[in-house]
Amino acid sequence: MSIRSYFMAKFYDSSMKKIEEQSFSKWRRELLSGIKGDVLEIGSGTGINLSHYPGSISSLVLTEPDAHMHKLLKKAVIDSGRNDIKTNDSSASQLNFQDGEFDAVVSTLVLCSVESPEQALKEIKRVLKPDGKLYFLEHVVASDAPGLIKWQRFFQPFWKSMCGNCHLTRDTEAEINNVGFKFELIERVNSIGGPPIVTPTIKGVASKKAGS
């Protein structure tokens, strides 16, 4: 456990407060409003999605491999008063679950920082049931703004170092498609409340293709 990871966990929620209030909180609520069944969330961090899960879910497993974040996540689950939630320290690239175990997997602001988005998405696909769905909210490369891409590339080394391996130039939409998911809904939006280099965002739902 590094000092950097300790401070990131300690100040994560406060550093995200403005962008959450102006963009992400509303988007999280909308994204998760229709989710149901047995749900797995990867990279749950401090448990920021907890309040947005509806009563329609049967069970919820929250994964978080970082020990500092996981400690805060456990506290958030206890504070929620819910007994249908479990935590797990699996990483997104090596999920400790059986094939076809979940109806839905949630990834919010996670695929930017995993070592391999491809491997993480393959694992997500593996643990989903044949008709399972991926619910995603991710900041991405500014594919329609070449000028902004230059700034994303410029700041990326520093950003990765200070923000838990967070990449600014990942084309997560293409990654999701390439692994074999089918988009049921995808919205390309710009967040408010954060620096321009993290404003391009995608959110939506993708289904596991039959036989994949």
N, C-alpha and C. Protein backbone atom coordinates (compact mmCIF):
# COMPACT_ATOMS: atom_id res chain seq x y z
N MET A 1 0.84 -1.20 0.00
CA MET A 1 0.00 0.00 0.00
C MET A 1 0.88 1.24 0.00
N SER A 2 0.69 2.09 -0.99
CA SER A 2 1.54 3.26 -1.11
C SER A 2 0.93 4.47 -0.43
N ILE A 3 1.80 5.43 -0.10
CA ILE A 3 1.35 6.69 0.49
C ILE A 3 0.43 7.41 -0.49
N ARG A 4 0.78 7.34 -1.78
CA ARG A 4 -0.03 8.01 -2.81
C ARG A 4 -1.45 7.43 -2.84
N SER A 5 -1.54 6.11 -2.74
CA SER A 5 -2.86 5.48 -2.75
C SER A 5 -3.65 5.84 -1.49
N TYR A 6 -2.96 5.99 -0.38
CA TYR A 6 -3.62 6.40 0.87
C TYR A 6 -4.26 7.77 0.72
N PHE A 7 -3.50 8.72 0.17
CA PHE A 7 -4.02 10.08 0.03
C PHE A 7 -5.09 10.16 -1.05
N MET A 8 -4.96 9.33 -2.08
CA MET A 8 -5.99 9.34 -3.12
C MET A 8 -7.33 8.88 -2.54
N ALA A 9 -7.27 7.82 -1.71
CA ALA A 9 -8.50 7.33 -1.07
C ALA A 9 -9.07 8.36 -0.11
N LYS A 10 -8.19 9.00 0.64
CA LYS A 10 -8.62 9.96 1.66
C LYS A 10 -9.31 11.18 1.06
N PHE A 11 -8.80 11.65 -0.07
CA PHE A 11 -9.32 12.90 -0.64
C PHE A 11 -10.13 12.71 -1.91
N TYR A 12 -10.39 11.46 -2.31
CA TYR A 12 -11.09 11.21 -3.57
C TYR A 12 -12.46 11.88 -3.60
N ASP A 13 -13.27 11.62 -2.59
CA ASP A 13 -14.64 12.15 -2.59
C ASP A 13 -14.66 13.67 -2.61
N SER A 14 -13.79 14.30 -1.83
CA SER A 14 -13.76 15.77 -1.79
C SER A 14 -13.27 16.35 -3.12
N SER A 15 -12.33 15.66 -3.76
CA SER A 15 -11.81 16.15 -5.04
C SER A 15 -12.83 16.02 -6.16
N MET A 16 -13.77 15.09 -6.00
CA MET A 16 -14.79 14.85 -7.02
C MET A 16 -16.10 15.58 -6.73
N LYS A 17 -16.18 16.30 -5.62
CA LYS A 17 -17.44 16.86 -5.17
C LYS A 17 -18.11 17.76 -6.21
N LYS A 18 -17.36 18.66 -6.80
CA LYS A 18 -17.95 19.61 -7.74
C LYS A 18 -18.48 18.92 -8.99
N ILE A 19 -17.68 18.04 -9.57
CA ILE A 19 -18.10 17.37 -10.80
C ILE A 19 -19.24 16.38 -10.52
N GLU A 20 -19.26 15.80 -9.32
CA GLU A 20 -20.37 14.93 -8.94
C GLU A 20 -21.66 15.73 -8.84
N GLU A 21 -21.60 16.88 -8.18
CA GLU A 21 -22.79 17.71 -8.00
C GLU A 21 -23.34 18.23 -9.32
N GLN A 22 -22.45 18.55 -10.26
CA GLN A 22 -22.88 19.18 -11.50
C GLN A 22 -23.12 18.20 -12.65
N SER A 23 -22.60 16.98 -12.53
CA SER A 23 -22.74 16.04 -13.65
C SER A 23 -22.96 14.60 -13.22
N PHE A 24 -21.98 14.02 -12.58
CA PHE A 24 -21.93 12.57 -12.42
C PHE A 24 -23.03 12.00 -11.53
N SER A 25 -23.39 12.69 -10.46
CA SER A 25 -24.41 12.15 -9.56
C SER A 25 -25.73 11.91 -10.30
N LYS A 26 -26.14 12.86 -11.09
CA LYS A 26 -27.37 12.72 -11.88
C LYS A 26 -27.25 11.57 -12.88
N TRP A 27 -26.10 11.50 -13.53
CA TRP A 27 -25.88 10.45 -14.52
C TRP A 27 -25.86 9.07 -13.87
N ARG A 28 -25.25 8.95 -12.70
CA ARG A 28 -25.23 7.66 -11.99
C ARG A 28 -26.66 7.22 -11.68
N ARG A 29 -27.46 8.14 -11.17
CA ARG A 29 -28.84 7.84 -10.80
C ARG A 29 -29.64 7.38 -12.02
N GLU A 30 -29.49 8.08 -13.14
CA GLU A 30 -30.20 7.71 -14.36
C GLU A 30 -29.74 6.35 -14.88
N LEU A 31 -28.44 6.14 -14.86
CA LEU A 31 -27.87 4.90 -15.39
C LEU A 31 -28.35 3.67 -14.64
N LEU A 32 -28.41 3.78 -13.32
CA LEU A 32 -28.71 2.62 -12.49
C LEU A 32 -30.19 2.47 -12.16
N SER A 33 -31.02 3.39 -12.61
CA SER A 33 -32.43 3.37 -12.22
C SER A 33 -33.16 2.11 -12.68
N GLY A 34 -32.76 1.52 -13.79
CA GLY A 34 -33.47 0.35 -14.31
C GLY A 34 -32.75 -0.96 -14.10
N ILE A 35 -31.67 -0.95 -13.35
CA ILE A 35 -30.88 -2.17 -13.18
C ILE A 35 -31.60 -3.14 -12.25
N LYS A 36 -31.43 -4.44 -12.50
CA LYS A 36 -32.11 -5.44 -11.66
C LYS A 36 -31.33 -6.75 -11.66
N GLY A 37 -31.76 -7.66 -10.80
CA GLY A 37 -31.12 -8.97 -10.70
C GLY A 37 -29.89 -8.97 -9.82
N ASP A 38 -29.00 -9.91 -10.08
CA ASP A 38 -27.74 -10.02 -9.35
C ASP A 38 -26.70 -9.12 -10.02
N VAL A 39 -26.18 -8.17 -9.27
CA VAL A 39 -25.34 -7.12 -9.84
C VAL A 39 -23.93 -7.16 -9.26
N LEU A 40 -22.95 -6.98 -10.12
CA LEU A 40 -21.55 -6.84 -9.73
C LEU A 40 -21.08 -5.45 -10.15
N GLU A 41 -20.44 -4.74 -9.24
CA GLU A 41 -19.82 -3.46 -9.60
C GLU A 41 -18.31 -3.60 -9.46
N ILE A 42 -17.56 -3.22 -10.49
CA ILE A 42 -16.11 -3.28 -10.42
C ILE A 42 -15.55 -1.92 -10.01
N GLY A 43 -14.40 -1.93 -9.36
CA GLY A 43 -13.74 -0.68 -8.98
C GLY A 43 -14.64 0.27 -8.23
N SER A 44 -15.26 -0.22 -7.16
CA SER A 44 -16.30 0.55 -6.48
C SER A 44 -15.78 1.72 -5.66
N GLY A 45 -14.47 1.80 -5.46
CA GLY A 45 -13.89 2.95 -4.76
C GLY A 45 -14.44 3.13 -3.36
N THR A 46 -14.95 4.31 -3.08
CA THR A 46 -15.49 4.63 -1.75
C THR A 46 -16.98 4.30 -1.62
N GLY A 47 -17.57 3.73 -2.67
CA GLY A 47 -18.99 3.35 -2.62
C GLY A 47 -19.93 4.45 -3.05
N ILE A 48 -19.47 5.28 -3.96
CA ILE A 48 -20.25 6.45 -4.36
C ILE A 48 -21.56 6.09 -5.07
N ASN A 49 -21.62 4.89 -5.66
CA ASN A 49 -22.86 4.49 -6.36
C ASN A 49 -23.92 3.91 -5.43
N LEU A 50 -23.58 3.65 -4.19
CA LEU A 50 -24.47 2.92 -3.28
C LEU A 50 -25.88 3.51 -3.21
N SER A 51 -25.97 4.80 -3.09
CA SER A 51 -27.28 5.43 -2.90
C SER A 51 -28.14 5.42 -4.16
N HIS A 52 -27.55 5.04 -5.29
CA HIS A 52 -28.28 5.08 -6.56
C HIS A 52 -28.85 3.73 -6.98
N TYR A 53 -28.55 2.67 -6.24
CA TYR A 53 -29.09 1.36 -6.61
C TYR A 53 -30.55 1.24 -6.18
N PRO A 54 -31.41 0.83 -7.10
CA PRO A 54 -32.85 0.71 -6.77
C PRO A 54 -33.16 -0.57 -6.02
N GLY A 55 -34.36 -0.66 -5.51
CA GLY A 55 -34.79 -1.85 -4.79
C GLY A 55 -35.02 -3.05 -5.68
N SER A 56 -34.93 -2.87 -6.99
CA SER A 56 -35.19 -3.96 -7.93
C SER A 56 -34.04 -4.97 -8.02
N ILE A 57 -32.90 -4.66 -7.43
CA ILE A 57 -31.78 -5.61 -7.50
C ILE A 57 -31.98 -6.72 -6.48
N SER A 58 -31.49 -7.91 -6.83
CA SER A 58 -31.60 -9.06 -5.92
C SER A 58 -30.41 -9.13 -4.98
N SER A 59 -29.23 -8.82 -5.51
CA SER A 59 -28.01 -8.84 -4.71
C SER A 59 -27.00 -7.89 -5.36
N LEU A 60 -26.02 -7.47 -4.56
CA LEU A 60 -25.01 -6.53 -5.05
C LEU A 60 -23.66 -6.90 -4.46
N VAL A 61 -22.67 -7.07 -5.34
CA VAL A 61 -21.29 -7.31 -4.92
C VAL A 61 -20.44 -6.14 -5.41
N LEU A 62 -19.72 -5.52 -4.50
CA LEU A 62 -18.86 -4.38 -4.84
C LEU A 62 -17.40 -4.82 -4.74
N THR A 63 -16.65 -4.68 -5.83
CA THR A 63 -15.24 -5.03 -5.81
C THR A 63 -14.37 -3.79 -5.73
N GLU A 64 -13.27 -3.90 -5.01
CA GLU A 64 -12.30 -2.81 -4.93
C GLU A 64 -10.96 -3.39 -4.47
N PRO A 65 -9.96 -3.43 -5.36
CA PRO A 65 -8.68 -4.05 -5.02
C PRO A 65 -7.75 -3.19 -4.16
N ASP A 66 -7.92 -1.87 -4.18
CA ASP A 66 -7.04 -1.01 -3.40
C ASP A 66 -7.44 -1.08 -1.92
N ALA A 67 -6.50 -1.41 -1.06
CA ALA A 67 -6.80 -1.64 0.36
C ALA A 67 -7.34 -0.39 1.05
N HIS A 68 -6.81 0.78 0.71
CA HIS A 68 -7.28 2.02 1.34
C HIS A 68 -8.71 2.33 0.92
N MET A 69 -8.98 2.19 -0.37
CA MET A 69 -10.34 2.41 -0.86
C MET A 69 -11.30 1.37 -0.29
N HIS A 70 -10.82 0.12 -0.21
CA HIS A 70 -11.68 -0.95 0.26
C HIS A 70 -12.13 -0.71 1.70
N LYS A 71 -11.26 -0.17 2.50
CA LYS A 71 -11.61 0.13 3.90
C LYS A 71 -12.77 1.14 3.95
N LEU A 72 -12.69 2.17 3.11
CA LEU A 72 -13.76 3.17 3.05
C LEU A 72 -15.04 2.58 2.47
N LEU A 73 -14.88 1.67 1.52
CA LEU A 73 -16.03 1.01 0.90
C LEU A 73 -16.80 0.18 1.93
N LYS A 74 -16.08 -0.57 2.74
CA LYS A 74 -16.73 -1.38 3.78
C LYS A 74 -17.52 -0.50 4.74
N LYS A 75 -16.94 0.64 5.11
CA LYS A 75 -17.63 1.56 6.01
C LYS A 75 -18.91 2.09 5.37
N ALA A 76 -18.83 2.41 4.08
CA ALA A 76 -20.00 2.93 3.37
C ALA A 76 -21.11 1.89 3.33
N VAL A 77 -20.76 0.62 3.15
CA VAL A 77 -21.76 -0.45 3.13
C VAL A 77 -22.42 -0.58 4.50
N ILE A 78 -21.62 -0.53 5.54
CA ILE A 78 -22.17 -0.61 6.90
C ILE A 78 -23.10 0.57 7.17
N ASP A 79 -22.64 1.76 6.77
CA ASP A 79 -23.44 2.97 6.99
C ASP A 79 -24.75 2.96 6.20
N SER A 80 -24.77 2.22 5.10
CA SER A 80 -25.98 2.17 4.27
C SER A 80 -27.10 1.40 4.96
N GLY A 81 -26.74 0.53 5.90
CA GLY A 81 -27.74 -0.26 6.61
C GLY A 81 -28.33 -1.40 5.81
N ARG A 82 -27.77 -1.67 4.63
CA ARG A 82 -28.29 -2.73 3.78
C ARG A 82 -27.55 -4.03 4.05
N ASN A 83 -28.29 -5.14 4.05
CA ASN A 83 -27.67 -6.45 4.28
C ASN A 83 -27.61 -7.31 3.03
N ASP A 84 -27.92 -6.73 1.88
CA ASP A 84 -27.88 -7.48 0.62
C ASP A 84 -26.63 -7.16 -0.19
N ILE A 85 -25.63 -6.56 0.46
CA ILE A 85 -24.43 -6.11 -0.24
C ILE A 85 -23.19 -6.79 0.33
N LYS A 86 -22.33 -7.28 -0.56
CA LYS A 86 -21.05 -7.86 -0.15
C LYS A 86 -19.92 -7.09 -0.82
N THR A 87 -18.75 -7.10 -0.21
CA THR A 87 -17.57 -6.50 -0.83
C THR A 87 -16.56 -7.59 -1.16
N ASN A 88 -15.70 -7.28 -2.13
CA ASN A 88 -14.72 -8.25 -2.61
C ASN A 88 -13.51 -7.46 -3.10
N ASP A 89 -12.31 -8.02 -2.94
CA ASP A 89 -11.11 -7.29 -3.33
C ASP A 89 -10.56 -7.69 -4.69
N SER A 90 -11.38 -8.32 -5.53
CA SER A 90 -10.94 -8.70 -6.88
C SER A 90 -10.58 -7.48 -7.72
N SER A 91 -9.58 -7.66 -8.56
CA SER A 91 -9.28 -6.63 -9.55
C SER A 91 -10.14 -6.86 -10.78
N ALA A 92 -10.36 -5.83 -11.56
CA ALA A 92 -11.22 -5.94 -12.74
C ALA A 92 -10.67 -6.93 -13.77
N SER A 93 -9.36 -7.11 -13.79
CA SER A 93 -8.74 -8.00 -14.78
C SER A 93 -8.71 -9.45 -14.33
N GLN A 94 -9.09 -9.70 -13.06
CA GLN A 94 -9.11 -11.07 -12.55
C GLN A 94 -10.22 -11.19 -11.51
N LEU A 95 -11.44 -11.28 -11.99
CA LEU A 95 -12.60 -11.31 -11.11
C LEU A 95 -12.78 -12.71 -10.51
N ASN A 96 -12.94 -12.75 -9.20
CA ASN A 96 -13.02 -14.00 -8.47
C ASN A 96 -14.46 -14.51 -8.41
N PHE A 97 -15.04 -14.76 -9.60
CA PHE A 97 -16.43 -15.20 -9.68
C PHE A 97 -16.58 -16.24 -10.79
N GLN A 98 -17.67 -16.99 -10.71
CA GLN A 98 -17.92 -18.03 -11.70
C GLN A 98 -18.40 -17.42 -13.02
N ASP A 99 -18.25 -18.19 -14.10
CA ASP A 99 -18.80 -17.79 -15.39
C ASP A 99 -20.32 -17.62 -15.29
N GLY A 100 -20.84 -16.59 -15.92
CA GLY A 100 -22.28 -16.40 -16.00
C GLY A 100 -22.98 -16.22 -14.67
N GLU A 101 -22.33 -15.56 -13.73
CA GLU A 101 -22.88 -15.44 -12.37
C GLU A 101 -23.80 -14.23 -12.19
N PHE A 102 -23.67 -13.21 -13.06
CA PHE A 102 -24.37 -11.95 -12.81
C PHE A 102 -25.28 -11.53 -13.97
N ASP A 103 -26.36 -10.85 -13.60
CA ASP A 103 -27.27 -10.28 -14.59
C ASP A 103 -26.73 -8.97 -15.14
N ALA A 104 -25.96 -8.26 -14.34
CA ALA A 104 -25.44 -6.95 -14.75
C ALA A 104 -24.11 -6.67 -14.08
N VAL A 105 -23.26 -5.96 -14.80
CA VAL A 105 -22.00 -5.46 -14.25
C VAL A 105 -21.98 -3.95 -14.45
N VAL A 106 -21.54 -3.24 -13.42
CA VAL A 106 -21.48 -1.78 -13.44
C VAL A 106 -20.02 -1.33 -13.42
N SER A 107 -19.69 -0.42 -14.31
CA SER A 107 -18.35 0.18 -14.36
C SER A 107 -18.50 1.68 -14.50
N THR A 108 -18.18 2.42 -13.45
CA THR A 108 -18.25 3.89 -13.52
C THR A 108 -16.89 4.48 -13.17
N LEU A 109 -16.29 5.14 -14.14
CA LEU A 109 -14.98 5.77 -13.99
C LEU A 109 -13.93 4.76 -13.51
N VAL A 110 -13.90 3.62 -14.18
CA VAL A 110 -12.98 2.54 -13.82
C VAL A 110 -12.07 2.15 -14.99
N LEU A 111 -12.63 2.03 -16.18
CA LEU A 111 -11.87 1.51 -17.32
C LEU A 111 -10.76 2.45 -17.77
N CYS A 112 -10.78 3.67 -17.26
CA CYS A 112 -9.69 4.62 -17.54
C CYS A 112 -8.42 4.25 -16.81
N SER A 113 -8.53 3.49 -15.71
CA SER A 113 -7.37 3.28 -14.84
C SER A 113 -6.91 1.83 -14.73
N VAL A 114 -7.65 0.88 -15.28
CA VAL A 114 -7.20 -0.52 -15.24
C VAL A 114 -5.99 -0.69 -16.14
N GLU A 115 -5.18 -1.70 -15.85
CA GLU A 115 -3.98 -1.92 -16.66
C GLU A 115 -4.34 -2.27 -18.10
N SER A 116 -5.35 -3.10 -18.26
CA SER A 116 -5.77 -3.52 -19.61
C SER A 116 -7.29 -3.47 -19.72
N PRO A 117 -7.84 -2.46 -20.40
CA PRO A 117 -9.29 -2.42 -20.61
C PRO A 117 -9.80 -3.67 -21.30
N GLU A 118 -9.05 -4.18 -22.25
CA GLU A 118 -9.47 -5.39 -22.97
C GLU A 118 -9.65 -6.57 -22.02
N GLN A 119 -8.66 -6.79 -21.15
CA GLN A 119 -8.74 -7.90 -20.21
C GLN A 119 -9.89 -7.71 -19.22
N ALA A 120 -10.05 -6.49 -18.73
CA ALA A 120 -11.15 -6.20 -17.79
C ALA A 120 -12.50 -6.47 -18.44
N LEU A 121 -12.66 -6.05 -19.68
CA LEU A 121 -13.93 -6.24 -20.38
C LEU A 121 -14.19 -7.71 -20.70
N LYS A 122 -13.13 -8.45 -20.98
CA LYS A 122 -13.29 -9.89 -21.20
C LYS A 122 -13.75 -10.58 -19.92
N GLU A 123 -13.21 -10.14 -18.78
CA GLU A 123 -13.63 -10.69 -17.50
C GLU A 123 -15.09 -10.33 -17.20
N ILE A 124 -15.45 -9.10 -17.50
CA ILE A 124 -16.84 -8.68 -17.31
C ILE A 124 -17.77 -9.57 -18.14
N LYS A 125 -17.39 -9.79 -19.39
CA LYS A 125 -18.20 -10.62 -20.27
C LYS A 125 -18.31 -12.05 -19.75
N ARG A 126 -17.21 -12.54 -19.21
CA ARG A 126 -17.18 -13.92 -18.70
C ARG A 126 -18.16 -14.12 -17.54
N VAL A 127 -18.21 -13.16 -16.62
CA VAL A 127 -19.05 -13.35 -15.42
C VAL A 127 -20.51 -12.98 -15.66
N LEU A 128 -20.82 -12.42 -16.82
CA LEU A 128 -22.20 -12.09 -17.15
C LEU A 128 -22.96 -13.29 -17.68
N LYS A 129 -24.24 -13.36 -17.36
CA LYS A 129 -25.12 -14.37 -17.94
C LYS A 129 -25.26 -14.11 -19.44
N PRO A 130 -25.74 -15.09 -20.21
CA PRO A 130 -25.84 -14.90 -21.67
C PRO A 130 -26.58 -13.65 -22.09
N ASP A 131 -27.58 -13.24 -21.31
CA ASP A 131 -28.33 -12.02 -21.64
C ASP A 131 -27.95 -10.86 -20.72
N GLY A 132 -26.77 -10.96 -20.09
CA GLY A 132 -26.34 -9.95 -19.14
C GLY A 132 -25.96 -8.63 -19.79
N LYS A 133 -25.90 -7.58 -18.95
CA LYS A 133 -25.65 -6.24 -19.47
C LYS A 133 -24.55 -5.52 -18.69
N LEU A 134 -23.79 -4.71 -19.40
CA LEU A 134 -22.79 -3.84 -18.82
C LEU A 134 -23.33 -2.41 -18.78
N TYR A 135 -23.35 -1.83 -17.58
CA TYR A 135 -23.77 -0.44 -17.38
C TYR A 135 -22.51 0.39 -17.18
N PHE A 136 -22.28 1.38 -18.02
CA PHE A 136 -21.00 2.08 -17.97
C PHE A 136 -21.17 3.60 -17.96
N LEU A 137 -20.21 4.23 -17.29
CA LEU A 137 -20.06 5.69 -17.28
C LEU A 137 -18.56 5.94 -17.20
N GLU A 138 -17.98 6.44 -18.28
CA GLU A 138 -16.52 6.55 -18.36
C GLU A 138 -16.10 7.83 -19.09
N HIS A 139 -15.07 8.49 -18.56
CA HIS A 139 -14.51 9.62 -19.32
C HIS A 139 -13.55 9.05 -20.36
N VAL A 140 -13.46 9.70 -21.51
CA VAL A 140 -12.77 9.11 -22.66
C VAL A 140 -11.96 10.16 -23.43
N VAL A 141 -11.27 9.66 -24.46
CA VAL A 141 -10.52 10.55 -25.35
C VAL A 141 -11.50 11.48 -26.08
N ALA A 142 -11.05 12.69 -26.34
CA ALA A 142 -11.89 13.69 -27.03
C ALA A 142 -11.82 13.45 -28.53
N SER A 143 -12.47 12.39 -28.99
CA SER A 143 -12.33 11.95 -30.37
C SER A 143 -12.80 12.97 -31.40
N ASP A 144 -13.70 13.86 -31.00
CA ASP A 144 -14.21 14.86 -31.94
C ASP A 144 -13.60 16.25 -31.71
N ALA A 145 -12.53 16.31 -30.91
CA ALA A 145 -11.90 17.60 -30.61
C ALA A 145 -10.38 17.44 -30.62
N PRO A 146 -9.76 17.48 -31.82
CA PRO A 146 -8.31 17.28 -31.93
C PRO A 146 -7.49 18.21 -31.05
N GLY A 147 -7.96 19.42 -30.88
CA GLY A 147 -7.23 20.37 -30.03
C GLY A 147 -7.18 19.91 -28.59
N LEU A 148 -8.28 19.37 -28.10
CA LEU A 148 -8.33 18.89 -26.72
C LEU A 148 -7.52 17.61 -26.56
N ILE A 149 -7.51 16.77 -27.59
CA ILE A 149 -6.71 15.54 -27.53
C ILE A 149 -5.24 15.89 -27.28
N LYS A 150 -4.75 16.95 -27.89
CA LYS A 150 -3.35 17.35 -27.68
C LYS A 150 -3.07 17.64 -26.21
N TRP A 151 -4.02 18.31 -25.55
CA TRP A 151 -3.85 18.61 -24.13
C TRP A 151 -3.99 17.35 -23.29
N GLN A 152 -4.88 16.44 -23.69
CA GLN A 152 -5.01 15.18 -22.97
C GLN A 152 -3.71 14.39 -23.05
N ARG A 153 -3.10 14.35 -24.21
CA ARG A 153 -1.83 13.64 -24.37
C ARG A 153 -0.71 14.32 -23.58
N PHE A 154 -0.73 15.64 -23.56
CA PHE A 154 0.30 16.39 -22.84
C PHE A 154 0.24 16.11 -21.33
N PHE A 155 -0.97 16.13 -20.78
CA PHE A 155 -1.12 15.97 -19.33
C PHE A 155 -1.17 14.51 -18.87
N GLN A 156 -1.31 13.57 -19.78
CA GLN A 156 -1.54 12.19 -19.39
C GLN A 156 -0.46 11.59 -18.49
N PRO A 157 0.83 11.76 -18.77
CA PRO A 157 1.85 11.17 -17.87
C PRO A 157 1.71 11.65 -16.43
N PHE A 158 1.51 12.94 -16.24
CA PHE A 158 1.33 13.50 -14.91
C PHE A 158 0.04 12.98 -14.28
N TRP A 159 -1.04 12.96 -15.07
CA TRP A 159 -2.35 12.54 -14.58
C TRP A 159 -2.32 11.08 -14.12
N LYS A 160 -1.67 10.23 -14.91
CA LYS A 160 -1.55 8.81 -14.56
C LYS A 160 -0.81 8.64 -13.24
N SER A 161 0.24 9.41 -13.07
CA SER A 161 1.06 9.30 -11.87
C SER A 161 0.32 9.75 -10.62
N MET A 162 -0.44 10.82 -10.74
CA MET A 162 -1.09 11.42 -9.57
C MET A 162 -2.50 10.88 -9.31
N CYS A 163 -3.11 10.27 -10.32
CA CYS A 163 -4.53 9.89 -10.20
C CYS A 163 -4.77 8.40 -10.39
N GLY A 164 -3.90 7.59 -9.81
CA GLY A 164 -4.15 6.15 -9.79
C GLY A 164 -4.18 5.48 -11.14
N ASN A 165 -3.25 5.83 -12.02
CA ASN A 165 -3.14 5.23 -13.36
C ASN A 165 -4.27 5.63 -14.29
N CYS A 166 -4.94 6.72 -14.00
CA CYS A 166 -6.04 7.19 -14.85
C CYS A 166 -5.50 7.71 -16.18
N HIS A 167 -6.00 7.15 -17.28
CA HIS A 167 -5.61 7.56 -18.63
C HIS A 167 -6.63 8.55 -19.19
N LEU A 168 -6.15 9.53 -19.90
CA LEU A 168 -7.02 10.56 -20.48
C LEU A 168 -7.40 10.28 -21.93
N THR A 169 -6.69 9.35 -22.57
CA THR A 169 -6.86 9.19 -24.01
C THR A 169 -7.38 7.81 -24.41
N ARG A 170 -8.06 7.14 -23.54
CA ARG A 170 -8.59 5.82 -23.90
C ARG A 170 -9.90 5.94 -24.68
N ASP A 171 -9.98 5.14 -25.76
CA ASP A 171 -11.21 5.08 -26.56
C ASP A 171 -12.04 3.91 -26.03
N THR A 172 -12.68 4.13 -24.91
CA THR A 172 -13.40 3.06 -24.23
C THR A 172 -14.60 2.56 -25.02
N GLU A 173 -15.20 3.43 -25.80
CA GLU A 173 -16.32 3.00 -26.66
C GLU A 173 -15.85 1.91 -27.62
N ALA A 174 -14.71 2.14 -28.26
CA ALA A 174 -14.17 1.15 -29.19
C ALA A 174 -13.77 -0.13 -28.46
N GLU A 175 -13.21 0.00 -27.26
CA GLU A 175 -12.81 -1.17 -26.47
C GLU A 175 -14.02 -2.05 -26.15
N ILE A 176 -15.11 -1.43 -25.73
CA ILE A 176 -16.33 -2.18 -25.40
C ILE A 176 -16.85 -2.91 -26.63
N ASN A 177 -16.87 -2.23 -27.74
CA ASN A 177 -17.33 -2.82 -29.00
C ASN A 177 -16.42 -3.96 -29.46
N ASN A 178 -15.11 -3.75 -29.38
CA ASN A 178 -14.15 -4.73 -29.88
C ASN A 178 -14.16 -6.04 -29.11
N VAL A 179 -14.52 -5.98 -27.84
CA VAL A 179 -14.56 -7.19 -27.03
C VAL A 179 -15.81 -8.02 -27.31
N GLY A 180 -16.78 -7.41 -27.95
CA GLY A 180 -17.95 -8.17 -28.38
C GLY A 180 -19.25 -7.80 -27.71
N PHE A 181 -19.32 -6.63 -27.10
CA PHE A 181 -20.59 -6.16 -26.55
C PHE A 181 -21.39 -5.44 -27.63
N LYS A 182 -22.70 -5.46 -27.46
CA LYS A 182 -23.60 -4.74 -28.36
C LYS A 182 -24.23 -3.58 -27.60
N PHE A 183 -24.05 -2.38 -28.11
CA PHE A 183 -24.61 -1.20 -27.43
C PHE A 183 -26.13 -1.18 -27.56
N GLU A 184 -26.80 -1.14 -26.41
CA GLU A 184 -28.24 -0.91 -26.39
C GLU A 184 -28.53 0.58 -26.28
N LEU A 185 -27.65 1.27 -25.60
CA LEU A 185 -27.77 2.72 -25.43
C LEU A 185 -26.38 3.29 -25.19
N ILE A 186 -26.04 4.34 -25.91
CA ILE A 186 -24.79 5.03 -25.64
C ILE A 186 -25.00 6.52 -25.87
N GLU A 187 -24.57 7.31 -24.92
CA GLU A 187 -24.64 8.76 -25.01
C GLU A 187 -23.24 9.33 -24.88
N ARG A 188 -22.92 10.27 -25.74
CA ARG A 188 -21.64 10.98 -25.68
C ARG A 188 -21.92 12.38 -25.16
N VAL A 189 -21.41 12.64 -23.97
CA VAL A 189 -21.73 13.89 -23.28
C VAL A 189 -20.45 14.54 -22.74
N ASN A 190 -20.59 15.78 -22.31
CA ASN A 190 -19.47 16.49 -21.68
C ASN A 190 -19.85 16.84 -20.25
N SER A 191 -19.01 16.45 -19.33
CA SER A 191 -19.29 16.74 -17.92
C SER A 191 -19.00 18.20 -17.60
N ILE A 192 -19.55 18.65 -16.47
CA ILE A 192 -19.36 20.01 -15.97
C ILE A 192 -18.80 19.91 -14.56
N GLY A 193 -17.88 20.80 -14.24
CA GLY A 193 -17.36 20.84 -12.88
C GLY A 193 -15.95 20.32 -12.73
N GLY A 194 -15.38 19.77 -13.80
CA GLY A 194 -14.02 19.26 -13.76
C GLY A 194 -13.17 19.93 -14.83
N PRO A 195 -11.87 19.61 -14.87
CA PRO A 195 -11.01 20.17 -15.90
C PRO A 195 -11.40 19.69 -17.29
N PRO A 196 -11.20 20.50 -18.33
CA PRO A 196 -11.59 20.12 -19.68
C PRO A 196 -11.03 18.79 -20.15
N ILE A 197 -9.85 18.42 -19.68
CA ILE A 197 -9.22 17.18 -20.15
C ILE A 197 -9.99 15.92 -19.74
N VAL A 198 -10.92 16.03 -18.79
CA VAL A 198 -11.72 14.86 -18.40
C VAL A 198 -13.20 15.04 -18.71
N THR A 199 -13.55 16.06 -19.48
CA THR A 199 -14.97 16.31 -19.75
C THR A 199 -15.61 15.33 -20.74
N PRO A 200 -14.93 14.86 -21.82
CA PRO A 200 -15.60 13.95 -22.76
C PRO A 200 -15.97 12.64 -22.05
N THR A 201 -17.22 12.26 -22.12
CA THR A 201 -17.74 11.13 -21.35
C THR A 201 -18.71 10.30 -22.19
N ILE A 202 -18.69 9.00 -21.95
CA ILE A 202 -19.71 8.14 -22.54
C ILE A 202 -20.47 7.44 -21.41
N LYS A 203 -21.76 7.20 -21.64
CA LYS A 203 -22.56 6.48 -20.65
C LYS A 203 -23.63 5.68 -21.39
N GLY A 204 -23.97 4.55 -20.81
CA GLY A 204 -25.00 3.74 -21.46
C GLY A 204 -24.99 2.30 -21.00
N VAL A 205 -25.59 1.47 -21.85
CA VAL A 205 -25.76 0.04 -21.54
C VAL A 205 -25.35 -0.77 -22.77
N ALA A 206 -24.59 -1.82 -22.52
CA ALA A 206 -24.18 -2.73 -23.61
C ALA A 206 -24.50 -4.15 -23.18
N SER A 207 -25.01 -4.96 -24.10
CA SER A 207 -25.39 -6.32 -23.80
C SER A 207 -24.37 -7.31 -24.33
N LYS A 208 -24.30 -8.45 -23.66
CA LYS A 208 -23.43 -9.52 -24.10
C LYS A 208 -24.05 -10.18 -25.32
N LYS A 209 -23.33 -10.24 -26.41
CA LYS A 209 -23.90 -10.81 -27.61
C LYS A 209 -24.12 -12.31 -27.45
N ALA A 210 -25.19 -12.81 -28.04
CA ALA A 210 -25.52 -14.23 -27.95
C ALA A 210 -24.37 -15.08 -28.45
N GLY A 211 -23.99 -16.06 -27.65
CA GLY A 211 -22.93 -16.99 -28.04
C GLY A 211 -21.53 -16.47 -27.84
N SER A 212 -21.38 -15.24 -27.30
CA SER A 212 -20.03 -14.68 -27.13
C SER A 212 -19.52 -14.97 -25.74
